[in-house]
Protein backbone atom coordinates (compact mmCIF):
# COMPACT_ATOMS: atom_id res chain seq x y z
CA UNK A 1 0.00 0.00 0.00
CA UNK A 2 2.81 2.34 0.66
CA UNK A 3 3.99 2.03 -2.93
CA UNK A 4 0.51 2.68 -4.19
CA UNK A 5 0.17 5.74 -1.99
CA UNK A 6 3.54 7.06 -3.11
CA UNK A 7 2.62 6.46 -6.75
CA UNK A 8 -0.70 8.31 -6.25
CA UNK A 9 1.12 11.19 -4.60
CA UNK A 10 3.68 11.31 -7.41
CA UNK A 11 0.88 11.24 -9.98
CA UNK A 12 -0.87 14.11 -8.20
CA UNK A 13 2.42 16.01 -7.93
CA UNK A 14 3.08 15.53 -11.66
CA UNK A 15 -0.43 16.79 -12.46
CA UNK A 16 0.07 19.81 -10.19
CA UNK A 17 3.44 20.62 -11.77
CA UNK A 18 1.92 20.17 -15.24
CA UNK A 19 -0.93 22.53 -14.34
CA UNK A 20 1.55 25.06 -12.93
CA UNK A 21 3.65 24.86 -16.09
CA UNK A 22 0.54 25.33 -18.21
CA UNK A 23 -0.48 28.34 -16.10
CA UNK A 24 3.03 29.80 -16.39
CA UNK A 25 2.96 29.39 -20.17
CA UNK A 26 -0.43 31.11 -20.26
CA UNK A 27 0.90 33.97 -18.15
CA UNK A 28 3.97 34.28 -20.34
CA UNK A 29 1.72 34.48 -23.37
CA UNK A 30 -0.39 37.14 -21.64
CA UNK A 31 2.77 39.08 -20.72
CA UNK A 32 3.95 38.96 -24.33
CA UNK A 33 0.55 40.29 -25.40
CA UNK A 34 0.74 43.07 -22.81
CA UNK A 35 4.25 43.99 -23.97
CA UNK A 36 2.97 44.21 -27.51
CA UNK A 37 0.05 46.37 -26.37
CA UNK A 38 2.42 48.63 -24.43
CA UNK A 39 4.64 49.03 -27.48
CA UNK A 40 1.58 49.94 -29.53
CA UNK A 41 0.55 52.49 -26.91
CA UNK A 42 4.06 53.95 -26.84
CA UNK A 43 3.95 54.27 -30.60
CA UNK A 44 0.55 55.98 -30.36
CA UNK A 45 1.89 58.36 -27.71
CA UNK A 46 4.83 59.25 -29.96
CA UNK A 47 2.38 59.93 -32.78
CA UNK A 48 0.28 62.14 -30.54
CA UNK A 49 3.39 64.01 -29.38
CA UNK A 50 4.37 64.61 -33.00
CA UNK A 51 0.86 65.85 -33.77
CA UNK A 52 0.99 68.18 -30.77
CA UNK A 53 4.34 69.56 -31.92
CA UNK A 54 2.91 70.14 -35.39
CA UNK A 55 -0.16 71.87 -33.93
CA UNK A 56 2.08 74.06 -31.75
CA UNK A 57 4.17 75.02 -34.78
CA UNK A 58 1.04 75.87 -36.75
CA UNK A 59 -0.27 77.91 -33.81
CA UNK A 60 3.01 79.84 -33.64
CA UNK A 61 2.85 80.50 -37.39
CA UNK A 62 -0.78 81.59 -37.10
CA UNK A 63 0.07 83.87 -34.19
CA UNK A 64 2.98 85.44 -36.08
CA UNK A 65 0.81 85.99 -39.17
CA UNK A 66 -1.98 87.39 -37.01
CA UNK A 67 0.41 89.79 -35.30
CA UNK A 68 1.82 90.87 -38.67
CA UNK A 69 -1.70 91.51 -39.99
CA UNK A 70 -2.57 93.40 -36.83
CA UNK A 71 0.50 95.59 -37.24
CA UNK A 72 -0.38 96.24 -40.89
CA UNK A 73 -3.96 97.20 -39.98
CA UNK A 74 -2.75 99.43 -37.16
CA UNK A 75 -0.29 101.11 -39.52
CA UNK A 76 -3.06 101.72 -42.06
CA UNK A 77 -5.34 103.09 -39.34
CA UNK A 78 -2.60 105.42 -38.12
CA UNK A 79 -2.05 106.59 -41.71
CA UNK A 80 -5.79 107.21 -42.09
CA UNK A 81 -5.85 109.07 -38.78
CA UNK A 82 -2.93 111.26 -39.89
CA UNK A 83 -4.64 111.89 -43.24
CA UNK A 84 -7.87 112.80 -41.47
CA UNK A 85 -6.04 115.21 -39.16
CA UNK A 86 -4.33 116.78 -42.16
CA UNK A 87 -7.64 117.11 -44.04
CA UNK A 88 -9.32 118.69 -40.97
CA UNK A 89 -6.45 121.15 -40.61
CA UNK A 90 -6.70 122.03 -44.29
CA UNK A 91 -10.49 122.36 -44.09
CA UNK A 92 -10.19 124.66 -41.07
CA UNK A 93 -7.53 126.74 -42.86
CA UNK A 94 -9.68 126.97 -45.99
CA UNK A 95 -12.75 127.94 -43.96
CA UNK A 96 -10.68 130.60 -42.21
CA UNK A 97 -9.41 131.95 -45.54
CA UNK A 98 -12.95 131.94 -46.97
CA UNK A 99 -14.14 133.81 -43.91
CA UNK A 100 -11.36 136.36 -44.34
CA UNK A 101 -12.20 136.71 -48.06
CA UNK A 102 -15.91 137.22 -47.27
CA UNK A 103 -15.04 139.90 -44.75
CA UNK A 104 -12.78 141.63 -47.21
CA UNK A 105 -15.44 141.53 -49.91
CA UNK A 106 -18.16 142.84 -47.65
PDB file of N, CA and C in Angstrom:
ATOM      1  N   UNK A   1       0.793  -1.184   0.000  1.00  0.00           N
ATOM      2  CA  UNK A   1       0.000   0.000   0.000  1.00  0.00           C
ATOM      3  C   UNK A   1       0.845   1.262   0.000  1.00  0.00           C
ATOM      4  N   UNK A   2       1.930   1.182   0.640  1.00  0.00           N
ATOM      5  CA  UNK A   2       2.809   2.341   0.665  1.00  0.00           C
ATOM      6  C   UNK A   2       3.241   2.735  -0.744  1.00  0.00           C
ATOM      7  N   UNK A   3       3.564   1.751  -1.550  1.00  0.00           N
ATOM      8  CA  UNK A   3       3.991   2.032  -2.928  1.00  0.00           C
ATOM      9  C   UNK A   3       2.848   2.665  -3.723  1.00  0.00           C
ATOM     10  N   UNK A   4       1.655   2.141  -3.494  1.00  0.00           N
ATOM     11  CA  UNK A   4       0.506   2.683  -4.194  1.00  0.00           C
ATOM     12  C   UNK A   4       0.256   4.128  -3.782  1.00  0.00           C
ATOM     13  N   UNK A   5       0.370   4.397  -2.513  1.00  0.00           N
ATOM     14  CA  UNK A   5       0.172   5.736  -1.986  1.00  0.00           C
ATOM     15  C   UNK A   5       1.222   6.687  -2.549  1.00  0.00           C
ATOM     16  N   UNK A   6       2.444   6.232  -2.586  1.00  0.00           N
ATOM     17  CA  UNK A   6       3.539   7.063  -3.114  1.00  0.00           C
ATOM     18  C   UNK A   6       3.309   7.322  -4.601  1.00  0.00           C
ATOM     19  N   UNK A   7       2.886   6.285  -5.311  1.00  0.00           N
ATOM     20  CA  UNK A   7       2.624   6.464  -6.746  1.00  0.00           C
ATOM     21  C   UNK A   7       1.481   7.456  -6.961  1.00  0.00           C
ATOM     22  N   UNK A   8       0.415   7.365  -6.151  1.00  0.00           N
ATOM     23  CA  UNK A   8      -0.705   8.312  -6.254  1.00  0.00           C
ATOM     24  C   UNK A   8      -0.240   9.740  -5.961  1.00  0.00           C
ATOM     25  N   UNK A   9       0.602   9.867  -4.961  1.00  0.00           N
ATOM     26  CA  UNK A   9       1.115  11.190  -4.599  1.00  0.00           C
ATOM     27  C   UNK A   9       2.004  11.739  -5.710  1.00  0.00           C
ATOM     28  N   UNK A  10       2.815  10.879  -6.306  1.00  0.00           N
ATOM     29  CA  UNK A  10       3.681  11.306  -7.413  1.00  0.00           C
ATOM     30  C   UNK A  10       2.819  11.709  -8.625  1.00  0.00           C
ATOM     31  N   UNK A  11       1.769  10.927  -8.866  1.00  0.00           N
ATOM     32  CA  UNK A  11       0.881  11.244  -9.978  1.00  0.00           C
ATOM     33  C   UNK A  11       0.219  12.604  -9.748  1.00  0.00           C
ATOM     34  N   UNK A  12      -0.254  12.822  -8.525  1.00  0.00           N
ATOM     35  CA  UNK A  12      -0.872  14.114  -8.198  1.00  0.00           C
ATOM     36  C   UNK A  12       0.150  15.249  -8.331  1.00  0.00           C
ATOM     37  N   UNK A  13       1.352  15.002  -7.853  1.00  0.00           N
ATOM     38  CA  UNK A  13       2.422  16.007  -7.926  1.00  0.00           C
ATOM     39  C   UNK A  13       2.743  16.334  -9.380  1.00  0.00           C
ATOM     40  N   UNK A  14       2.807  15.317 -10.234  1.00  0.00           N
ATOM     41  CA  UNK A  14       3.082  15.526 -11.660  1.00  0.00           C
ATOM     42  C   UNK A  14       1.956  16.342 -12.307  1.00  0.00           C
ATOM     43  N   UNK A  15       0.708  16.033 -11.933  1.00  0.00           N
ATOM     44  CA  UNK A  15      -0.426  16.791 -12.461  1.00  0.00           C
ATOM     45  C   UNK A  15      -0.352  18.250 -12.009  1.00  0.00           C
ATOM     46  N   UNK A  16      -0.041  18.447 -10.727  1.00  0.00           N
ATOM     47  CA  UNK A  16       0.067  19.813 -10.187  1.00  0.00           C
ATOM     48  C   UNK A  16       1.163  20.582 -10.911  1.00  0.00           C
ATOM     49  N   UNK A  17       2.320  19.965 -11.081  1.00  0.00           N
ATOM     50  CA  UNK A  17       3.440  20.617 -11.773  1.00  0.00           C
ATOM     51  C   UNK A  17       3.053  20.909 -13.226  1.00  0.00           C
ATOM     52  N   UNK A  18       2.372  19.964 -13.862  1.00  0.00           N
ATOM     53  CA  UNK A  18       1.916  20.171 -15.237  1.00  0.00           C
ATOM     54  C   UNK A  18       0.950  21.350 -15.326  1.00  0.00           C
ATOM     55  N   UNK A  19       0.020  21.413 -14.368  1.00  0.00           N
ATOM     56  CA  UNK A  19      -0.929  22.532 -14.340  1.00  0.00           C
ATOM     57  C   UNK A  19      -0.208  23.865 -14.109  1.00  0.00           C
ATOM     58  N   UNK A  20       0.775  23.849 -13.209  1.00  0.00           N
ATOM     59  CA  UNK A  20       1.551  25.060 -12.926  1.00  0.00           C
ATOM     60  C   UNK A  20       2.311  25.485 -14.181  1.00  0.00           C
ATOM     61  N   UNK A  21       2.919  24.535 -14.866  1.00  0.00           N
ATOM     62  CA  UNK A  21       3.654  24.860 -16.090  1.00  0.00           C
ATOM     63  C   UNK A  21       2.703  25.424 -17.153  1.00  0.00           C
ATOM     64  N   UNK A  22       1.536  24.852 -17.257  1.00  0.00           N
ATOM     65  CA  UNK A  22       0.538  25.335 -18.212  1.00  0.00           C
ATOM     66  C   UNK A  22       0.110  26.761 -17.851  1.00  0.00           C
ATOM     67  N   UNK A  23      -0.114  26.997 -16.550  1.00  0.00           N
ATOM     68  CA  UNK A  23      -0.482  28.338 -16.097  1.00  0.00           C
ATOM     69  C   UNK A  23       0.643  29.332 -16.377  1.00  0.00           C
ATOM     70  N   UNK A  24       1.875  28.926 -16.140  1.00  0.00           N
ATOM     71  CA  UNK A  24       3.030  29.802 -16.392  1.00  0.00           C
ATOM     72  C   UNK A  24       3.118  30.134 -17.874  1.00  0.00           C
ATOM     73  N   UNK A  25       2.916  29.131 -18.723  1.00  0.00           N
ATOM     74  CA  UNK A  25       2.958  29.392 -20.171  1.00  0.00           C
ATOM     75  C   UNK A  25       1.849  30.355 -20.580  1.00  0.00           C
ATOM     76  N   UNK A  26       0.678  30.197 -19.986  1.00  0.00           N
ATOM     77  CA  UNK A  26      -0.435  31.105 -20.259  1.00  0.00           C
ATOM     78  C   UNK A  26      -0.098  32.529 -19.817  1.00  0.00           C
ATOM     79  N   UNK A  27       0.509  32.652 -18.641  1.00  0.00           N
ATOM     80  CA  UNK A  27       0.896  33.968 -18.147  1.00  0.00           C
ATOM     81  C   UNK A  27       1.979  34.584 -19.031  1.00  0.00           C
ATOM     82  N   UNK A  28       2.919  33.765 -19.464  1.00  0.00           N
ATOM     83  CA  UNK A  28       3.974  34.277 -20.344  1.00  0.00           C
ATOM     84  C   UNK A  28       3.372  34.782 -21.656  1.00  0.00           C
ATOM     85  N   UNK A  29       2.404  34.047 -22.155  1.00  0.00           N
ATOM     86  CA  UNK A  29       1.723  34.483 -23.371  1.00  0.00           C
ATOM     87  C   UNK A  29       0.981  35.800 -23.128  1.00  0.00           C
ATOM     88  N   UNK A  30       0.312  35.892 -21.994  1.00  0.00           N
ATOM     89  CA  UNK A  30      -0.386  37.139 -21.637  1.00  0.00           C
ATOM     90  C   UNK A  30       0.604  38.298 -21.509  1.00  0.00           C
ATOM     91  N   UNK A  31       1.737  38.036 -20.897  1.00  0.00           N
ATOM     92  CA  UNK A  31       2.769  39.076 -20.720  1.00  0.00           C
ATOM     93  C   UNK A  31       3.280  39.540 -22.080  1.00  0.00           C
ATOM     94  N   UNK A  32       3.509  38.578 -22.982  1.00  0.00           N
ATOM     95  CA  UNK A  32       3.952  38.961 -24.332  1.00  0.00           C
ATOM     96  C   UNK A  32       2.899  39.838 -25.009  1.00  0.00           C
ATOM     97  N   UNK A  33       1.637  39.482 -24.845  1.00  0.00           N
ATOM     98  CA  UNK A  33       0.554  40.286 -25.405  1.00  0.00           C
ATOM     99  C   UNK A  33       0.518  41.688 -24.799  1.00  0.00           C
ATOM    100  N   UNK A  34       0.718  41.768 -23.486  1.00  0.00           N
ATOM    101  CA  UNK A  34       0.737  43.066 -22.814  1.00  0.00           C
ATOM    102  C   UNK A  34       1.916  43.904 -23.293  1.00  0.00           C
ATOM    103  N   UNK A  35       3.070  43.265 -23.462  1.00  0.00           N
ATOM    104  CA  UNK A  35       4.247  43.990 -23.966  1.00  0.00           C
ATOM    105  C   UNK A  35       3.960  44.554 -25.354  1.00  0.00           C
ATOM    106  N   UNK A  36       3.323  43.749 -26.166  1.00  0.00           N
ATOM    107  CA  UNK A  36       2.971  44.205 -27.508  1.00  0.00           C
ATOM    108  C   UNK A  36       1.994  45.380 -27.434  1.00  0.00           C
ATOM    109  N   UNK A  37       1.007  45.272 -26.549  1.00  0.00           N
ATOM    110  CA  UNK A  37       0.048  46.367 -26.369  1.00  0.00           C
ATOM    111  C   UNK A  37       0.751  47.639 -25.887  1.00  0.00           C
ATOM    112  N   UNK A  38       1.677  47.486 -24.964  1.00  0.00           N
ATOM    113  CA  UNK A  38       2.424  48.634 -24.431  1.00  0.00           C
ATOM    114  C   UNK A  38       3.237  49.282 -25.544  1.00  0.00           C
ATOM    115  N   UNK A  39       3.867  48.472 -26.378  1.00  0.00           N
ATOM    116  CA  UNK A  39       4.641  49.032 -27.485  1.00  0.00           C
ATOM    117  C   UNK A  39       3.730  49.793 -28.442  1.00  0.00           C
ATOM    118  N   UNK A  40       2.556  49.242 -28.681  1.00  0.00           N
ATOM    119  CA  UNK A  40       1.582  49.941 -29.526  1.00  0.00           C
ATOM    120  C   UNK A  40       1.162  51.261 -28.915  1.00  0.00           C
ATOM    121  N   UNK A  41       0.918  51.262 -27.601  1.00  0.00           N
ATOM    122  CA  UNK A  41       0.547  52.494 -26.911  1.00  0.00           C
ATOM    123  C   UNK A  41       1.681  53.511 -26.960  1.00  0.00           C
ATOM    124  N   UNK A  42       2.913  53.036 -26.767  1.00  0.00           N
ATOM    125  CA  UNK A  42       4.062  53.947 -26.837  1.00  0.00           C
ATOM    126  C   UNK A  42       4.171  54.563 -28.228  1.00  0.00           C
ATOM    127  N   UNK A  43       3.929  53.764 -29.229  1.00  0.00           N
ATOM    128  CA  UNK A  43       3.949  54.269 -30.600  1.00  0.00           C
ATOM    129  C   UNK A  43       2.852  55.315 -30.798  1.00  0.00           C
ATOM    130  N   UNK A  44       1.658  55.020 -30.270  1.00  0.00           N
ATOM    131  CA  UNK A  44       0.552  55.977 -30.364  1.00  0.00           C
ATOM    132  C   UNK A  44       0.894  57.278 -29.642  1.00  0.00           C
ATOM    133  N   UNK A  45       1.502  57.170 -28.476  1.00  0.00           N
ATOM    134  CA  UNK A  45       1.888  58.358 -27.708  1.00  0.00           C
ATOM    135  C   UNK A  45       2.895  59.181 -28.504  1.00  0.00           C
ATOM    136  N   UNK A  46       3.847  58.528 -29.144  1.00  0.00           N
ATOM    137  CA  UNK A  46       4.825  59.255 -29.965  1.00  0.00           C
ATOM    138  C   UNK A  46       4.118  59.973 -31.109  1.00  0.00           C
ATOM    139  N   UNK A  47       3.149  59.305 -31.705  1.00  0.00           N
ATOM    140  CA  UNK A  47       2.377  59.930 -32.776  1.00  0.00           C
ATOM    141  C   UNK A  47       1.616  61.149 -32.280  1.00  0.00           C
ATOM    142  N   UNK A  48       1.013  61.030 -31.112  1.00  0.00           N
ATOM    143  CA  UNK A  48       0.275  62.145 -30.537  1.00  0.00           C
ATOM    144  C   UNK A  48       1.232  63.298 -30.216  1.00  0.00           C
ATOM    145  N   UNK A  49       2.400  62.967 -29.676  1.00  0.00           N
ATOM    146  CA  UNK A  49       3.393  64.006 -29.380  1.00  0.00           C
ATOM    147  C   UNK A  49       3.806  64.731 -30.656  1.00  0.00           C
ATOM    148  N   UNK A  50       4.003  63.987 -31.723  1.00  0.00           N
ATOM    149  CA  UNK A  50       4.373  64.605 -33.004  1.00  0.00           C
ATOM    150  C   UNK A  50       3.246  65.504 -33.498  1.00  0.00           C
ATOM    151  N   UNK A  51       2.008  65.029 -33.358  1.00  0.00           N
ATOM    152  CA  UNK A  51       0.857  65.846 -33.768  1.00  0.00           C
ATOM    153  C   UNK A  51       0.780  67.125 -32.941  1.00  0.00           C
ATOM    154  N   UNK A  52       1.029  67.014 -31.650  1.00  0.00           N
ATOM    155  CA  UNK A  52       0.990  68.183 -30.770  1.00  0.00           C
ATOM    156  C   UNK A  52       2.069  69.180 -31.177  1.00  0.00           C
ATOM    157  N   UNK A  53       3.263  68.668 -31.485  1.00  0.00           N
ATOM    158  CA  UNK A  53       4.341  69.561 -31.918  1.00  0.00           C
ATOM    159  C   UNK A  53       3.964  70.281 -33.210  1.00  0.00           C
ATOM    160  N   UNK A  54       3.332  69.551 -34.120  1.00  0.00           N
ATOM    161  CA  UNK A  54       2.907  70.145 -35.391  1.00  0.00           C
ATOM    162  C   UNK A  54       1.837  71.212 -35.147  1.00  0.00           C
ATOM    163  N   UNK A  55       0.897  70.917 -34.258  1.00  0.00           N
ATOM    164  CA  UNK A  55      -0.156  71.874 -33.935  1.00  0.00           C
ATOM    165  C   UNK A  55       0.448  73.123 -33.281  1.00  0.00           C
ATOM    166  N   UNK A  56       1.416  72.914 -32.387  1.00  0.00           N
ATOM    167  CA  UNK A  56       2.076  74.060 -31.751  1.00  0.00           C
ATOM    168  C   UNK A  56       2.793  74.916 -32.784  1.00  0.00           C
ATOM    169  N   UNK A  57       3.468  74.275 -33.722  1.00  0.00           N
ATOM    170  CA  UNK A  57       4.173  75.022 -34.776  1.00  0.00           C
ATOM    171  C   UNK A  57       3.179  75.809 -35.620  1.00  0.00           C
ATOM    172  N   UNK A  58       2.062  75.179 -35.973  1.00  0.00           N
ATOM    173  CA  UNK A  58       1.038  75.870 -36.753  1.00  0.00           C
ATOM    174  C   UNK A  58       0.452  77.035 -35.956  1.00  0.00           C
ATOM    175  N   UNK A  59       0.267  76.834 -34.656  1.00  0.00           N
ATOM    176  CA  UNK A  59      -0.267  77.907 -33.811  1.00  0.00           C
ATOM    177  C   UNK A  59       0.715  79.077 -33.755  1.00  0.00           C
ATOM    178  N   UNK A  60       2.009  78.770 -33.648  1.00  0.00           N
ATOM    179  CA  UNK A  60       3.014  79.838 -33.638  1.00  0.00           C
ATOM    180  C   UNK A  60       2.998  80.604 -34.965  1.00  0.00           C
ATOM    181  N   UNK A  61       2.914  79.859 -36.068  1.00  0.00           N
ATOM    182  CA  UNK A  61       2.847  80.504 -37.389  1.00  0.00           C
ATOM    183  C   UNK A  61       1.601  81.380 -37.493  1.00  0.00           C
ATOM    184  N   UNK A  62       0.471  80.837 -37.051  1.00  0.00           N
ATOM    185  CA  UNK A  62      -0.779  81.593 -37.100  1.00  0.00           C
ATOM    186  C   UNK A  62      -0.672  82.860 -36.261  1.00  0.00           C
ATOM    187  N   UNK A  63      -0.085  82.725 -35.073  1.00  0.00           N
ATOM    188  CA  UNK A  63       0.067  83.873 -34.186  1.00  0.00           C
ATOM    189  C   UNK A  63       0.966  84.925 -34.827  1.00  0.00           C
ATOM    190  N   UNK A  64       2.059  84.493 -35.428  1.00  0.00           N
ATOM    191  CA  UNK A  64       2.976  85.436 -36.079  1.00  0.00           C
ATOM    192  C   UNK A  64       2.279  86.145 -37.233  1.00  0.00           C
ATOM    193  N   UNK A  65       1.540  85.383 -38.053  1.00  0.00           N
ATOM    194  CA  UNK A  65       0.810  85.991 -39.170  1.00  0.00           C
ATOM    195  C   UNK A  65      -0.256  86.955 -38.651  1.00  0.00           C
ATOM    196  N   UNK A  66      -0.944  86.554 -37.594  1.00  0.00           N
ATOM    197  CA  UNK A  66      -1.983  87.391 -37.012  1.00  0.00           C
ATOM    198  C   UNK A  66      -1.379  88.689 -36.486  1.00  0.00           C
ATOM    199  N   UNK A  67      -0.245  88.590 -35.823  1.00  0.00           N
ATOM    200  CA  UNK A  67       0.411  89.791 -35.298  1.00  0.00           C
ATOM    201  C   UNK A  67       0.868  90.691 -36.448  1.00  0.00           C
ATOM    202  N   UNK A  68       1.380  90.083 -37.510  1.00  0.00           N
ATOM    203  CA  UNK A  68       1.817  90.873 -38.667  1.00  0.00           C
ATOM    204  C   UNK A  68       0.626  91.589 -39.299  1.00  0.00           C
ATOM    205  N   UNK A  69      -0.497  90.887 -39.434  1.00  0.00           N
ATOM    206  CA  UNK A  69      -1.702  91.506 -39.987  1.00  0.00           C
ATOM    207  C   UNK A  69      -2.189  92.633 -39.083  1.00  0.00           C
ATOM    208  N   UNK A  70      -2.150  92.389 -37.794  1.00  0.00           N
ATOM    209  CA  UNK A  70      -2.574  93.397 -36.831  1.00  0.00           C
ATOM    210  C   UNK A  70      -1.704  94.648 -36.974  1.00  0.00           C
ATOM    211  N   UNK A  71      -0.405  94.462 -37.070  1.00  0.00           N
ATOM    212  CA  UNK A  71       0.504  95.593 -37.242  1.00  0.00           C
ATOM    213  C   UNK A  71       0.196  96.346 -38.537  1.00  0.00           C
ATOM    214  N   UNK A  72      -0.065  95.606 -39.605  1.00  0.00           N
ATOM    215  CA  UNK A  72      -0.382  96.239 -40.889  1.00  0.00           C
ATOM    216  C   UNK A  72      -1.665  97.054 -40.783  1.00  0.00           C
ATOM    217  N   UNK A  73      -2.692  96.491 -40.145  1.00  0.00           N
ATOM    218  CA  UNK A  73      -3.963  97.199 -39.981  1.00  0.00           C
ATOM    219  C   UNK A  73      -3.755  98.440 -39.113  1.00  0.00           C
ATOM    220  N   UNK A  74      -3.006  98.290 -38.038  1.00  0.00           N
ATOM    221  CA  UNK A  74      -2.755  99.431 -37.162  1.00  0.00           C
ATOM    222  C   UNK A  74      -1.981 100.524 -37.894  1.00  0.00           C
ATOM    223  N   UNK A  75      -1.039 100.143 -38.733  1.00  0.00           N
ATOM    224  CA  UNK A  75      -0.288 101.114 -39.522  1.00  0.00           C
ATOM    225  C   UNK A  75      -1.221 101.850 -40.476  1.00  0.00           C
ATOM    226  N   UNK A  76      -2.100 101.093 -41.144  1.00  0.00           N
ATOM    227  CA  UNK A  76      -3.065 101.717 -42.061  1.00  0.00           C
ATOM    228  C   UNK A  76      -4.002 102.657 -41.309  1.00  0.00           C
ATOM    229  N   UNK A  77      -4.454 102.229 -40.132  1.00  0.00           N
ATOM    230  CA  UNK A  77      -5.339 103.088 -39.336  1.00  0.00           C
ATOM    231  C   UNK A  77      -4.624 104.367 -38.911  1.00  0.00           C
ATOM    232  N   UNK A  78      -3.369 104.245 -38.518  1.00  0.00           N
ATOM    233  CA  UNK A  78      -2.596 105.422 -38.123  1.00  0.00           C
ATOM    234  C   UNK A  78      -2.419 106.360 -39.315  1.00  0.00           C
ATOM    235  N   UNK A  79      -2.166 105.783 -40.498  1.00  0.00           N
ATOM    236  CA  UNK A  79      -2.051 106.594 -41.709  1.00  0.00           C
ATOM    237  C   UNK A  79      -3.360 107.317 -41.995  1.00  0.00           C
ATOM    238  N   UNK A  80      -4.474 106.598 -41.888  1.00  0.00           N
ATOM    239  CA  UNK A  80      -5.789 107.215 -42.095  1.00  0.00           C
ATOM    240  C   UNK A  80      -6.056 108.321 -41.069  1.00  0.00           C
ATOM    241  N   UNK A  81      -5.670 108.065 -39.837  1.00  0.00           N
ATOM    242  CA  UNK A  81      -5.851 109.067 -38.785  1.00  0.00           C
ATOM    243  C   UNK A  81      -5.023 110.320 -39.104  1.00  0.00           C
ATOM    244  N   UNK A  82      -3.778 110.119 -39.518  1.00  0.00           N
ATOM    245  CA  UNK A  82      -2.931 111.257 -39.886  1.00  0.00           C
ATOM    246  C   UNK A  82      -3.520 112.005 -41.078  1.00  0.00           C
ATOM    247  N   UNK A  83      -4.007 111.251 -42.083  1.00  0.00           N
ATOM    248  CA  UNK A  83      -4.642 111.887 -43.241  1.00  0.00           C
ATOM    249  C   UNK A  83      -5.865 112.690 -42.815  1.00  0.00           C
ATOM    250  N   UNK A  84      -6.668 112.109 -41.930  1.00  0.00           N
ATOM    251  CA  UNK A  84      -7.872 112.796 -41.465  1.00  0.00           C
ATOM    252  C   UNK A  84      -7.491 114.087 -40.731  1.00  0.00           C
ATOM    253  N   UNK A  85      -6.489 114.011 -39.870  1.00  0.00           N
ATOM    254  CA  UNK A  85      -6.040 115.209 -39.160  1.00  0.00           C
ATOM    255  C   UNK A  85      -5.574 116.272 -40.151  1.00  0.00           C
ATOM    256  N   UNK A  86      -4.827 115.853 -41.158  1.00  0.00           N
ATOM    257  CA  UNK A  86      -4.330 116.784 -42.164  1.00  0.00           C
ATOM    258  C   UNK A  86      -5.486 117.427 -42.925  1.00  0.00           C
ATOM    259  N   UNK A  87      -6.478 116.602 -43.305  1.00  0.00           N
ATOM    260  CA  UNK A  87      -7.644 117.106 -44.035  1.00  0.00           C
ATOM    261  C   UNK A  87      -8.415 118.098 -43.172  1.00  0.00           C
ATOM    262  N   UNK A  88      -8.599 117.775 -41.879  1.00  0.00           N
ATOM    263  CA  UNK A  88      -9.316 118.687 -40.973  1.00  0.00           C
ATOM    264  C   UNK A  88      -8.565 120.009 -40.853  1.00  0.00           C
ATOM    265  N   UNK A  89      -7.249 119.930 -40.714  1.00  0.00           N
ATOM    266  CA  UNK A  89      -6.448 121.151 -40.612  1.00  0.00           C
ATOM    267  C   UNK A  89      -6.604 121.996 -41.871  1.00  0.00           C
ATOM    268  N   UNK A  90      -6.537 121.318 -43.019  1.00  0.00           N
ATOM    269  CA  UNK A  90      -6.703 122.032 -44.293  1.00  0.00           C
ATOM    270  C   UNK A  90      -8.097 122.631 -44.403  1.00  0.00           C
ATOM    271  N   UNK A  91      -9.107 121.870 -44.021  1.00  0.00           N
ATOM    272  CA  UNK A  91     -10.489 122.357 -44.085  1.00  0.00           C
ATOM    273  C   UNK A  91     -10.648 123.585 -43.197  1.00  0.00           C
ATOM    274  N   UNK A  92     -10.097 123.531 -41.995  1.00  0.00           N
ATOM    275  CA  UNK A  92     -10.195 124.661 -41.070  1.00  0.00           C
ATOM    276  C   UNK A  92      -9.480 125.874 -41.668  1.00  0.00           C
ATOM    277  N   UNK A  93      -8.295 125.664 -42.231  1.00  0.00           N
ATOM    278  CA  UNK A  93      -7.535 126.743 -42.863  1.00  0.00           C
ATOM    279  C   UNK A  93      -8.326 127.343 -44.030  1.00  0.00           C
ATOM    280  N   UNK A  94      -8.894 126.485 -44.856  1.00  0.00           N
ATOM    281  CA  UNK A  94      -9.684 126.965 -45.990  1.00  0.00           C
ATOM    282  C   UNK A  94     -10.900 127.754 -45.520  1.00  0.00           C
ATOM    283  N   UNK A  95     -11.587 127.239 -44.500  1.00  0.00           N
ATOM    284  CA  UNK A  95     -12.750 127.941 -43.962  1.00  0.00           C
ATOM    285  C   UNK A  95     -12.339 129.306 -43.417  1.00  0.00           C
ATOM    286  N   UNK A  96     -11.185 129.346 -42.743  1.00  0.00           N
ATOM    287  CA  UNK A  96     -10.680 130.604 -42.207  1.00  0.00           C
ATOM    288  C   UNK A  96     -10.395 131.588 -43.347  1.00  0.00           C
ATOM    289  N   UNK A  97      -9.732 131.107 -44.396  1.00  0.00           N
ATOM    290  CA  UNK A  97      -9.406 131.954 -45.542  1.00  0.00           C
ATOM    291  C   UNK A  97     -10.690 132.451 -46.236  1.00  0.00           C
ATOM    292  N   UNK A  98     -11.679 131.557 -46.372  1.00  0.00           N
ATOM    293  CA  UNK A  98     -12.954 131.943 -46.966  1.00  0.00           C
ATOM    294  C   UNK A  98     -13.643 133.013 -46.109  1.00  0.00           C
ATOM    295  N   UNK A  99     -13.569 132.811 -44.814  1.00  0.00           N
ATOM    296  CA  UNK A  99     -14.145 133.807 -43.907  1.00  0.00           C
ATOM    297  C   UNK A  99     -13.447 135.153 -44.059  1.00  0.00           C
ATOM    298  N   UNK A 100     -12.127 135.119 -44.164  1.00  0.00           N
ATOM    299  CA  UNK A 100     -11.364 136.360 -44.341  1.00  0.00           C
ATOM    300  C   UNK A 100     -11.723 137.003 -45.670  1.00  0.00           C
ATOM    301  N   UNK A 101     -11.838 136.189 -46.731  1.00  0.00           N
ATOM    302  CA  UNK A 101     -12.205 136.715 -48.055  1.00  0.00           C
ATOM    303  C   UNK A 101     -13.596 137.343 -48.029  1.00  0.00           C
ATOM    304  N   UNK A 102     -14.541 136.681 -47.363  1.00  0.00           N
ATOM    305  CA  UNK A 102     -15.912 137.222 -47.271  1.00  0.00           C
ATOM    306  C   UNK A 102     -15.906 138.566 -46.555  1.00  0.00           C
ATOM    307  N   UNK A 103     -15.112 138.654 -45.491  1.00  0.00           N
ATOM    308  CA  UNK A 103     -15.036 139.904 -44.748  1.00  0.00           C
ATOM    309  C   UNK A 103     -14.423 141.012 -45.589  1.00  0.00           C
ATOM    310  N   UNK A 104     -13.427 140.630 -46.372  1.00  0.00           N
ATOM    311  CA  UNK A 104     -12.781 141.633 -47.208  1.00  0.00           C
ATOM    312  C   UNK A 104     -13.707 142.095 -48.332  1.00  0.00           C
ATOM    313  N   UNK A 105     -14.528 141.193 -48.819  1.00  0.00           N
ATOM    314  CA  UNK A 105     -15.436 141.533 -49.912  1.00  0.00           C
ATOM    315  C   UNK A 105     -16.666 142.286 -49.413  1.00  0.00           C
ATOM    316  N   UNK A 106     -16.949 142.195 -48.171  1.00  0.00           N
ATOM    317  CA  UNK A 106     -18.158 142.843 -47.646  1.00  0.00           C
ATOM    318  C   UNK A 106     -17.930 144.310 -47.375  1.00  0.00           C
TER     319      UNK A 106
END
